[in-house]
Amino acid sequence: MEEKQDLRVVKTKRAIREALLKLVKEKDFAKVSVRDLCEYAEINRGTFYLHYQDKFDLLDRIEQELLDTLIDLMTKRMANKMEHFVSHPDFLLRFATELFRYVDNEAEVFSMLLLDSVSPTFPNKLKDVIRGNFLRAQKKEFNPSTLSIPFDYLMAYATSANVGLMQQWLAEGRKNPPEKMAEVLVTITMMGPVRAMGFKHTFKMSSNSNNPESH
């Protein structure tokens, strides 16, 4: 009996989520009402409020579910430290493949959160997850203050690049399979965008480039 009840809850929540996905394609999230959601999901308002406080709570729960899954994926697949992935890029490729497969499976939801104006804060939440994963993969003695580039700048670049790549893939209708996108991500991560474009010249910072008086 309890299992049947759980299945009914899962089915109801799935119907509500599908209703939201359909409605935001027709009108702005701000104009979507609980009544609209209930009509699409074919449930009554009482059933909706058994599970969610309002439409904002529904959206928060959807976001958190995605982020929790990503954190779980990153924690399990990237248990090794960063230097391991640098020397074994095939492990990084496996992780990236799983990542893009998950996004592919939840493409409608990710598109709603990353491409539409439904949740302006979600891209930053996703960046925070990526940043946390990067820190988790570092050595215990890792000290951001010893880097040649300020750590916050490095993370801003890296996290924005990862989220931007995901947004581009979704925006173009996922023309490439997840496996190809995993290769793209690993290539850019390991080589950097300049080398990935075919330029082989190395850049050396001049000794006075950080001195404002030299400009």
Protein backbone atom coordinates (compact mmCIF):
# COMPACT_ATOMS: atom_id res chain seq x y z
CA MET A 1 0.00 0.00 0.00
CA GLU A 2 2.83 2.36 0.92
CA GLU A 3 4.59 1.59 -2.38
CA LYS A 4 1.43 2.42 -4.34
CA GLN A 5 1.17 5.69 -2.41
CA ASP A 6 4.79 6.52 -3.23
CA LEU A 7 4.19 5.77 -6.90
CA ARG A 8 1.17 8.09 -6.89
CA VAL A 9 3.29 10.85 -5.36
CA VAL A 10 6.02 10.35 -7.96
CA LYS A 11 3.44 10.39 -10.77
CA THR A 12 1.79 13.54 -9.39
CA LYS A 13 5.07 15.41 -9.04
CA ARG A 14 6.09 14.37 -12.54
CA ALA A 15 2.79 15.66 -13.91
CA ILE A 16 3.26 19.01 -12.15
CA ARG A 17 6.78 19.34 -13.48
CA GLU A 18 5.63 18.52 -17.02
CA ALA A 19 2.89 21.10 -16.65
CA LEU A 20 5.43 23.77 -15.76
CA LEU A 21 7.65 22.84 -18.71
CA LYS A 22 4.71 23.17 -21.10
CA LEU A 23 3.38 26.41 -19.63
CA VAL A 24 6.67 28.33 -19.71
CA LYS A 25 6.84 27.64 -23.44
CA GLU A 26 3.50 29.40 -23.84
CA LYS A 27 3.95 32.35 -21.48
CA ASP A 28 6.33 33.95 -19.00
CA PHE A 29 6.86 32.20 -15.69
CA ALA A 30 5.56 35.32 -13.94
CA LYS A 31 2.18 34.76 -15.60
CA VAL A 32 1.96 31.06 -14.73
CA SER A 33 -0.44 30.44 -11.85
CA VAL A 34 -0.99 27.46 -9.57
CA ARG A 35 -4.38 27.15 -11.19
CA ASP A 36 -2.72 26.82 -14.59
CA LEU A 37 -0.39 24.14 -13.27
CA CYS A 38 -3.26 22.20 -11.75
CA GLU A 39 -5.29 22.30 -14.96
CA TYR A 40 -2.37 21.03 -17.05
CA ALA A 41 -1.46 18.35 -14.52
CA GLU A 42 -5.13 17.41 -14.08
CA ILE A 43 -5.01 17.66 -10.30
CA ASN A 44 -6.79 19.84 -7.75
CA ARG A 45 -5.16 22.72 -5.88
CA GLY A 46 -5.20 20.78 -2.63
CA THR A 47 -3.02 18.08 -4.18
CA PHE A 48 -0.57 20.69 -5.43
CA TYR A 49 -0.25 22.28 -1.99
CA LEU A 50 0.40 18.89 -0.43
CA HIS A 51 3.75 18.93 -2.21
CA TYR A 52 4.66 22.58 -2.85
CA GLN A 53 4.08 25.90 -1.12
CA ASP A 54 3.73 27.78 -4.42
CA LYS A 55 5.17 27.87 -7.93
CA PHE A 56 8.45 29.32 -6.63
CA ASP A 57 8.87 26.41 -4.25
CA LEU A 58 8.22 24.07 -7.19
CA LEU A 59 10.93 25.78 -9.22
CA ASP A 60 13.39 25.69 -6.31
CA ARG A 61 12.78 21.96 -5.82
CA ILE A 62 13.37 21.28 -9.52
CA GLU A 63 16.61 23.24 -9.45
CA GLN A 64 17.85 21.54 -6.30
CA GLU A 65 17.09 18.10 -7.70
CA LEU A 66 19.27 18.81 -10.73
CA LEU A 67 22.07 20.31 -8.64
CA ASP A 68 22.01 17.43 -6.13
CA THR A 69 22.29 14.91 -8.95
CA LEU A 70 25.21 16.81 -10.45
CA ILE A 71 26.97 17.00 -7.09
CA ASP A 72 26.45 13.27 -6.60
CA LEU A 73 27.79 12.57 -10.09
CA MET A 74 30.83 14.76 -9.55
CA THR A 75 31.55 13.32 -6.11
CA LYS A 76 31.41 9.72 -7.31
CA ARG A 77 33.19 10.10 -10.64
CA MET A 78 35.79 12.64 -9.60
CA ALA A 79 36.90 11.11 -6.33
CA ASN A 80 40.54 11.39 -7.40
CA LYS A 81 42.59 14.57 -7.16
CA MET A 82 43.06 16.98 -10.06
CA GLU A 83 46.59 15.84 -10.91
CA HIS A 84 45.19 12.36 -11.58
CA PHE A 85 42.87 13.71 -14.27
CA VAL A 86 45.63 15.78 -15.83
CA SER A 87 47.73 12.63 -16.28
CA HIS A 88 44.71 10.45 -17.16
CA PRO A 89 42.38 12.54 -19.34
CA ASP A 90 40.38 9.40 -20.19
CA PHE A 91 38.94 9.51 -16.67
CA LEU A 92 37.93 13.14 -17.20
CA LEU A 93 36.36 12.16 -20.52
CA ARG A 94 34.23 9.50 -18.84
CA PHE A 95 32.99 12.00 -16.30
CA ALA A 96 32.25 14.62 -18.97
CA THR A 97 30.35 12.03 -21.00
CA GLU A 98 28.15 11.16 -18.03
CA LEU A 99 27.62 14.84 -17.36
CA PHE A 100 26.39 15.60 -20.87
CA ARG A 101 24.27 12.45 -20.95
CA TYR A 102 22.52 13.62 -17.81
CA VAL A 103 21.94 17.09 -19.29
CA ASP A 104 20.69 15.42 -22.46
CA ASN A 105 18.20 13.32 -20.48
CA GLU A 106 16.96 16.43 -18.66
CA ALA A 107 17.32 18.76 -21.64
CA GLU A 108 13.89 20.36 -21.32
CA VAL A 109 14.47 21.30 -17.71
CA PHE A 110 18.03 22.53 -18.26
CA SER A 111 16.86 24.57 -21.25
CA MET A 112 14.14 26.17 -19.16
CA LEU A 113 16.64 27.09 -16.44
CA LEU A 114 19.65 28.06 -18.58
CA LEU A 115 18.14 29.58 -21.71
CA ASP A 116 14.85 31.14 -20.63
CA SER A 117 14.35 33.90 -18.08
CA VAL A 118 12.53 31.53 -15.71
CA SER A 119 15.38 31.35 -13.18
CA PRO A 120 18.07 34.05 -13.57
CA THR A 121 19.95 32.68 -10.55
CA PHE A 122 20.33 29.09 -11.75
CA PRO A 123 23.46 29.64 -13.92
CA ASN A 124 25.26 31.03 -10.87
CA LYS A 125 24.10 28.10 -8.74
CA LEU A 126 25.50 25.78 -11.38
CA LYS A 127 28.78 27.68 -11.38
CA ASP A 128 28.98 27.32 -7.61
CA VAL A 129 28.63 23.54 -7.98
CA ILE A 130 31.45 23.46 -10.54
CA ARG A 131 33.63 25.64 -8.33
CA GLY A 132 32.98 23.38 -5.34
CA ASN A 133 33.90 20.34 -7.38
CA PHE A 134 37.17 21.96 -8.46
CA LEU A 135 38.10 22.70 -4.85
CA ARG A 136 37.16 19.20 -3.74
CA ALA A 137 39.53 17.72 -6.33
CA GLN A 138 42.53 19.72 -5.13
CA LYS A 139 45.26 18.52 -2.78
CA LYS A 140 44.80 19.25 0.91
CA GLU A 141 47.76 21.61 0.80
CA PHE A 142 46.27 23.57 -2.11
CA ASN A 143 46.68 27.30 -1.46
CA PRO A 144 44.82 29.62 -3.88
CA SER A 145 47.04 32.55 -2.87
CA THR A 146 50.07 30.90 -4.51
CA LEU A 147 48.52 30.88 -7.99
CA SER A 148 49.92 33.18 -10.68
CA ILE A 149 46.35 34.17 -11.55
CA PRO A 150 43.93 35.26 -8.79
CA PHE A 151 41.82 32.24 -7.89
CA ASP A 152 38.47 34.05 -8.18
CA TYR A 153 39.35 35.16 -11.72
CA LEU A 154 40.40 31.65 -12.65
CA MET A 155 37.15 30.21 -11.32
CA ALA A 156 35.06 32.92 -13.00
CA TYR A 157 36.64 32.02 -16.33
CA ALA A 158 36.45 28.24 -15.90
CA THR A 159 32.89 28.07 -14.54
CA SER A 160 31.52 30.54 -17.09
CA ALA A 161 33.17 28.54 -19.87
CA ASN A 162 31.60 25.29 -18.69
CA VAL A 163 28.12 26.76 -18.29
CA GLY A 164 28.46 28.68 -21.56
CA LEU A 165 29.34 25.50 -23.44
CA MET A 166 26.28 23.79 -21.98
CA GLN A 167 24.05 26.74 -22.93
CA GLN A 168 25.38 26.79 -26.50
CA TRP A 169 24.75 23.07 -26.89
CA LEU A 170 21.18 23.40 -25.64
CA ALA A 171 20.51 26.53 -27.70
CA GLU A 172 21.51 24.81 -30.95
CA GLY A 173 19.21 21.89 -30.22
CA ARG A 174 21.90 19.44 -29.04
CA LYS A 175 23.10 18.82 -32.59
CA ASN A 176 26.14 16.95 -31.32
CA PRO A 177 25.78 13.82 -29.18
CA PRO A 178 26.85 13.94 -25.51
CA GLU A 179 29.99 11.95 -26.33
CA LYS A 180 31.15 14.61 -28.78
CA MET A 181 30.43 17.41 -26.32
CA ALA A 182 32.45 15.56 -23.69
CA GLU A 183 35.41 15.54 -26.10
CA VAL A 184 34.96 19.26 -26.72
CA LEU A 185 34.88 20.05 -23.01
CA VAL A 186 37.96 17.95 -22.20
CA THR A 187 39.91 19.33 -25.17
CA ILE A 188 39.26 22.95 -24.21
CA THR A 189 39.90 22.21 -20.54
CA MET A 190 43.23 20.48 -21.18
CA MET A 191 44.49 22.69 -24.01
CA GLY A 192 42.86 26.05 -23.40
CA PRO A 193 40.85 27.89 -26.09
CA VAL A 194 43.88 29.41 -27.88
CA ARG A 195 45.70 26.10 -28.38
CA ALA A 196 42.40 24.37 -29.18
CA MET A 197 42.03 26.83 -32.10
CA GLY A 198 45.39 25.71 -33.46
CA PHE A 199 47.73 28.44 -32.20
CA LYS A 200 50.98 26.99 -30.91
CA HIS A 201 52.77 30.10 -29.67
CA THR A 202 53.18 30.31 -25.93
CA PHE A 203 52.44 33.47 -24.01
CA LYS A 204 54.89 34.79 -21.48
CA MET A 205 53.88 37.48 -19.03
CA SER A 206 56.26 40.44 -19.16
CA SER A 207 57.91 41.32 -15.89
CA ASN A 208 56.26 44.75 -15.69
CA SER A 209 52.80 43.82 -17.03
CA ASN A 210 51.32 43.96 -13.54
CA ASN A 211 52.83 47.35 -12.83
CA PRO A 212 50.26 50.12 -13.50
CA GLU A 213 53.06 52.65 -14.00
CA SER A 214 54.36 50.72 -17.00
CA HIS A 215 51.19 51.48 -19.03
